[in-house]
Amino acid sequence: VLGAALGEVPAAGAKVAAADAAYLASRVGLQVHGAIGYTAEFDLSLWLTKIRALVGAWGTPAAHRARLLDGLVAEGGA
């Protein structure tokens, strides 16, 4: 994300990397904590809900991967 803010990395790449990392972290957290992760008393349930919503916000990871692929193809063809 810092690379995207500095203009060194495409924003689509930062979105894909951040979304993948957040989703993986939430899934691992759920595996570690088990069913308590779904309870309202444990903050993991809030993060699971937020991450599911944010992964698809401002474009899905699949759309951003396609954007990155289009950029690579355009660079390779030039």
N, C-alpha and C. Protein backbone atom coordinates (compact mmCIF):
# COMPACT_ATOMS: atom_id res chain seq x y z
N VAL A 1 0.83 -1.19 0.00
CA VAL A 1 0.00 0.00 0.00
C VAL A 1 0.88 1.25 0.00
N LEU A 2 1.96 1.20 0.75
CA LEU A 2 2.88 2.34 0.76
C LEU A 2 3.47 2.55 -0.64
N GLY A 3 3.82 1.48 -1.33
CA GLY A 3 4.34 1.59 -2.68
C GLY A 3 3.33 2.23 -3.62
N ALA A 4 2.06 1.91 -3.45
CA ALA A 4 1.02 2.52 -4.29
C ALA A 4 0.87 4.00 -3.96
N ALA A 5 0.98 4.33 -2.68
CA ALA A 5 0.88 5.74 -2.29
C ALA A 5 2.04 6.56 -2.84
N LEU A 6 3.20 5.93 -2.96
CA LEU A 6 4.38 6.62 -3.50
C LEU A 6 4.45 6.56 -5.02
N GLY A 7 3.52 5.83 -5.64
CA GLY A 7 3.49 5.73 -7.09
C GLY A 7 4.45 4.69 -7.65
N GLU A 8 5.00 3.85 -6.81
CA GLU A 8 5.95 2.83 -7.26
C GLU A 8 5.27 1.53 -7.67
N VAL A 9 4.07 1.30 -7.18
CA VAL A 9 3.31 0.08 -7.42
C VAL A 9 1.92 0.49 -7.91
N PRO A 10 1.37 -0.21 -8.89
CA PRO A 10 0.00 0.13 -9.30
C PRO A 10 -0.98 -0.04 -8.14
N ALA A 11 -1.96 0.83 -8.06
CA ALA A 11 -2.95 0.76 -7.00
C ALA A 11 -3.70 -0.56 -7.04
N ALA A 12 -3.92 -1.10 -8.24
CA ALA A 12 -4.61 -2.38 -8.36
C ALA A 12 -3.80 -3.49 -7.69
N GLY A 13 -2.50 -3.44 -7.80
CA GLY A 13 -1.64 -4.44 -7.16
C GLY A 13 -1.72 -4.34 -5.64
N ALA A 14 -1.73 -3.12 -5.14
CA ALA A 14 -1.84 -2.92 -3.69
C ALA A 14 -3.19 -3.42 -3.18
N LYS A 15 -4.25 -3.18 -3.94
CA LYS A 15 -5.59 -3.64 -3.55
C LYS A 15 -5.63 -5.15 -3.48
N VAL A 16 -5.07 -5.81 -4.48
CA VAL A 16 -5.07 -7.28 -4.50
C VAL A 16 -4.26 -7.82 -3.33
N ALA A 17 -3.07 -7.28 -3.11
CA ALA A 17 -2.22 -7.77 -2.03
C ALA A 17 -2.85 -7.55 -0.66
N ALA A 18 -3.42 -6.36 -0.45
CA ALA A 18 -4.03 -6.06 0.84
C ALA A 18 -5.28 -6.92 1.07
N ALA A 19 -6.09 -7.09 0.04
CA ALA A 19 -7.30 -7.90 0.18
C ALA A 19 -6.95 -9.35 0.47
N ASP A 20 -5.98 -9.89 -0.24
CA ASP A 20 -5.57 -11.28 -0.01
C ASP A 20 -5.00 -11.46 1.39
N ALA A 21 -4.18 -10.53 1.83
CA ALA A 21 -3.57 -10.64 3.17
C ALA A 21 -4.62 -10.53 4.27
N ALA A 22 -5.55 -9.60 4.12
CA ALA A 22 -6.59 -9.43 5.13
C ALA A 22 -7.50 -10.65 5.20
N TYR A 23 -7.87 -11.18 4.05
CA TYR A 23 -8.74 -12.35 4.03
C TYR A 23 -8.03 -13.56 4.63
N LEU A 24 -6.77 -13.75 4.28
CA LEU A 24 -6.01 -14.87 4.83
C LEU A 24 -5.87 -14.74 6.35
N ALA A 25 -5.57 -13.54 6.82
CA ALA A 25 -5.41 -13.32 8.26
C ALA A 25 -6.72 -13.60 9.00
N SER A 26 -7.84 -13.19 8.44
CA SER A 26 -9.12 -13.43 9.11
C SER A 26 -9.46 -14.91 9.13
N ARG A 27 -9.18 -15.61 8.05
CA ARG A 27 -9.47 -17.05 8.00
C ARG A 27 -8.57 -17.82 8.96
N VAL A 28 -7.30 -17.45 9.03
CA VAL A 28 -6.39 -18.11 9.97
C VAL A 28 -6.81 -17.81 11.40
N GLY A 29 -7.19 -16.58 11.67
CA GLY A 29 -7.68 -16.22 13.01
C GLY A 29 -8.89 -17.04 13.41
N LEU A 30 -9.77 -17.27 12.47
CA LEU A 30 -10.95 -18.08 12.75
C LEU A 30 -10.56 -19.53 13.02
N GLN A 31 -9.59 -20.04 12.27
CA GLN A 31 -9.13 -21.41 12.51
C GLN A 31 -8.47 -21.53 13.88
N VAL A 32 -7.72 -20.52 14.26
CA VAL A 32 -7.01 -20.56 15.54
C VAL A 32 -7.99 -20.48 16.71
N HIS A 33 -8.95 -19.58 16.60
CA HIS A 33 -9.86 -19.34 17.72
C HIS A 33 -11.12 -20.20 17.68
N GLY A 34 -11.38 -20.84 16.57
CA GLY A 34 -12.53 -21.73 16.47
C GLY A 34 -13.85 -20.98 16.49
N ALA A 35 -14.86 -21.61 17.03
CA ALA A 35 -16.22 -21.07 16.99
C ALA A 35 -16.37 -19.76 17.75
N ILE A 36 -15.48 -19.49 18.71
CA ILE A 36 -15.58 -18.22 19.44
C ILE A 36 -15.41 -17.03 18.49
N GLY A 37 -14.77 -17.26 17.33
CA GLY A 37 -14.60 -16.19 16.36
C GLY A 37 -15.90 -15.67 15.78
N TYR A 38 -16.94 -16.45 15.87
CA TYR A 38 -18.25 -16.03 15.36
C TYR A 38 -19.11 -15.35 16.42
N THR A 39 -18.68 -15.36 17.67
CA THR A 39 -19.50 -14.78 18.73
C THR A 39 -19.31 -13.27 18.78
N ALA A 40 -20.34 -12.59 19.25
CA ALA A 40 -20.30 -11.13 19.33
C ALA A 40 -19.34 -10.64 20.41
N GLU A 41 -19.01 -11.49 21.36
CA GLU A 41 -18.12 -11.09 22.45
C GLU A 41 -16.66 -11.02 22.02
N PHE A 42 -16.34 -11.58 20.89
CA PHE A 42 -14.96 -11.64 20.42
C PHE A 42 -14.84 -10.77 19.17
N ASP A 43 -13.87 -9.85 19.13
CA ASP A 43 -13.75 -8.89 18.04
C ASP A 43 -13.50 -9.51 16.67
N LEU A 44 -13.06 -10.75 16.64
CA LEU A 44 -12.80 -11.39 15.35
C LEU A 44 -14.05 -11.44 14.49
N SER A 45 -15.21 -11.58 15.10
CA SER A 45 -16.46 -11.61 14.32
C SER A 45 -16.67 -10.28 13.59
N LEU A 46 -16.30 -9.18 14.22
CA LEU A 46 -16.42 -7.87 13.57
C LEU A 46 -15.46 -7.76 12.40
N TRP A 47 -14.23 -8.23 12.59
CA TRP A 47 -13.24 -8.15 11.51
C TRP A 47 -13.61 -9.05 10.35
N LEU A 48 -14.15 -10.22 10.63
CA LEU A 48 -14.59 -11.11 9.55
C LEU A 48 -15.63 -10.42 8.68
N THR A 49 -16.58 -9.76 9.32
CA THR A 49 -17.64 -9.07 8.59
C THR A 49 -17.06 -7.90 7.78
N LYS A 50 -16.19 -7.11 8.40
CA LYS A 50 -15.60 -5.97 7.71
C LYS A 50 -14.74 -6.40 6.53
N ILE A 51 -13.94 -7.43 6.73
CA ILE A 51 -13.04 -7.87 5.67
C ILE A 51 -13.81 -8.43 4.50
N ARG A 52 -14.87 -9.19 4.77
CA ARG A 52 -15.70 -9.71 3.67
C ARG A 52 -16.27 -8.58 2.84
N ALA A 53 -16.67 -7.51 3.50
CA ALA A 53 -17.23 -6.36 2.77
C ALA A 53 -16.15 -5.59 2.03
N LEU A 54 -14.99 -5.39 2.66
CA LEU A 54 -13.95 -4.58 2.06
C LEU A 54 -13.19 -5.27 0.94
N VAL A 55 -13.15 -6.60 0.94
CA VAL A 55 -12.46 -7.32 -0.13
C VAL A 55 -13.10 -6.98 -1.48
N GLY A 56 -14.42 -6.87 -1.51
CA GLY A 56 -15.10 -6.55 -2.76
C GLY A 56 -15.33 -5.08 -3.01
N ALA A 57 -15.01 -4.24 -2.03
CA ALA A 57 -15.23 -2.80 -2.20
C ALA A 57 -14.23 -2.23 -3.20
N TRP A 58 -14.67 -1.28 -3.98
CA TRP A 58 -13.86 -0.59 -4.99
C TRP A 58 -13.27 -1.56 -6.02
N GLY A 59 -14.02 -2.58 -6.32
CA GLY A 59 -13.59 -3.55 -7.31
C GLY A 59 -13.12 -4.84 -6.67
N THR A 60 -13.52 -5.94 -7.24
CA THR A 60 -13.13 -7.23 -6.70
C THR A 60 -11.66 -7.52 -6.99
N PRO A 61 -11.05 -8.41 -6.23
CA PRO A 61 -9.67 -8.78 -6.54
C PRO A 61 -9.52 -9.32 -7.96
N ALA A 62 -10.52 -10.04 -8.45
CA ALA A 62 -10.45 -10.56 -9.82
C ALA A 62 -10.40 -9.42 -10.84
N ALA A 63 -11.17 -8.38 -10.62
CA ALA A 63 -11.17 -7.23 -11.53
C ALA A 63 -9.81 -6.52 -11.50
N HIS A 64 -9.23 -6.40 -10.32
CA HIS A 64 -7.93 -5.75 -10.22
C HIS A 64 -6.81 -6.61 -10.81
N ARG A 65 -6.93 -7.93 -10.64
CA ARG A 65 -5.95 -8.81 -11.29
C ARG A 65 -6.02 -8.68 -12.81
N ALA A 66 -7.24 -8.58 -13.34
CA ALA A 66 -7.42 -8.40 -14.79
C ALA A 66 -6.81 -7.06 -15.23
N ARG A 67 -6.98 -6.03 -14.41
CA ARG A 67 -6.40 -4.72 -14.73
C ARG A 67 -4.88 -4.80 -14.76
N LEU A 68 -4.29 -5.51 -13.80
CA LEU A 68 -2.84 -5.69 -13.78
C LEU A 68 -2.37 -6.49 -14.99
N LEU A 69 -3.10 -7.52 -15.35
CA LEU A 69 -2.74 -8.33 -16.50
C LEU A 69 -2.81 -7.51 -17.78
N ASP A 70 -3.84 -6.69 -17.92
CA ASP A 70 -3.95 -5.82 -19.09
C ASP A 70 -2.76 -4.86 -19.18
N GLY A 71 -2.33 -4.35 -18.03
CA GLY A 71 -1.17 -3.46 -18.00
C GLY A 71 0.11 -4.18 -18.41
N LEU A 72 0.26 -5.41 -17.97
CA LEU A 72 1.45 -6.19 -18.33
C LEU A 72 1.45 -6.52 -19.82
N VAL A 73 0.28 -6.86 -20.34
CA VAL A 73 0.17 -7.19 -21.77
C VAL A 73 0.48 -5.94 -22.61
N ALA A 74 -0.04 -4.78 -22.17
CA ALA A 74 0.19 -3.55 -22.90
C ALA A 74 1.69 -3.18 -22.89
N GLU A 75 2.36 -3.41 -21.76
CA GLU A 75 3.79 -3.11 -21.69
C GLU A 75 4.59 -4.07 -22.55
N GLY A 76 4.18 -5.32 -22.58
CA GLY A 76 4.91 -6.33 -23.35
C GLY A 76 4.74 -6.13 -24.85
N GLY A 77 3.60 -5.59 -25.25
CA GLY A 77 3.35 -5.38 -26.67
C GLY A 77 4.00 -4.14 -27.24
N ALA A 78 4.47 -3.25 -26.35
CA ALA A 78 5.05 -1.99 -26.83
C ALA A 78 6.48 -2.13 -27.26
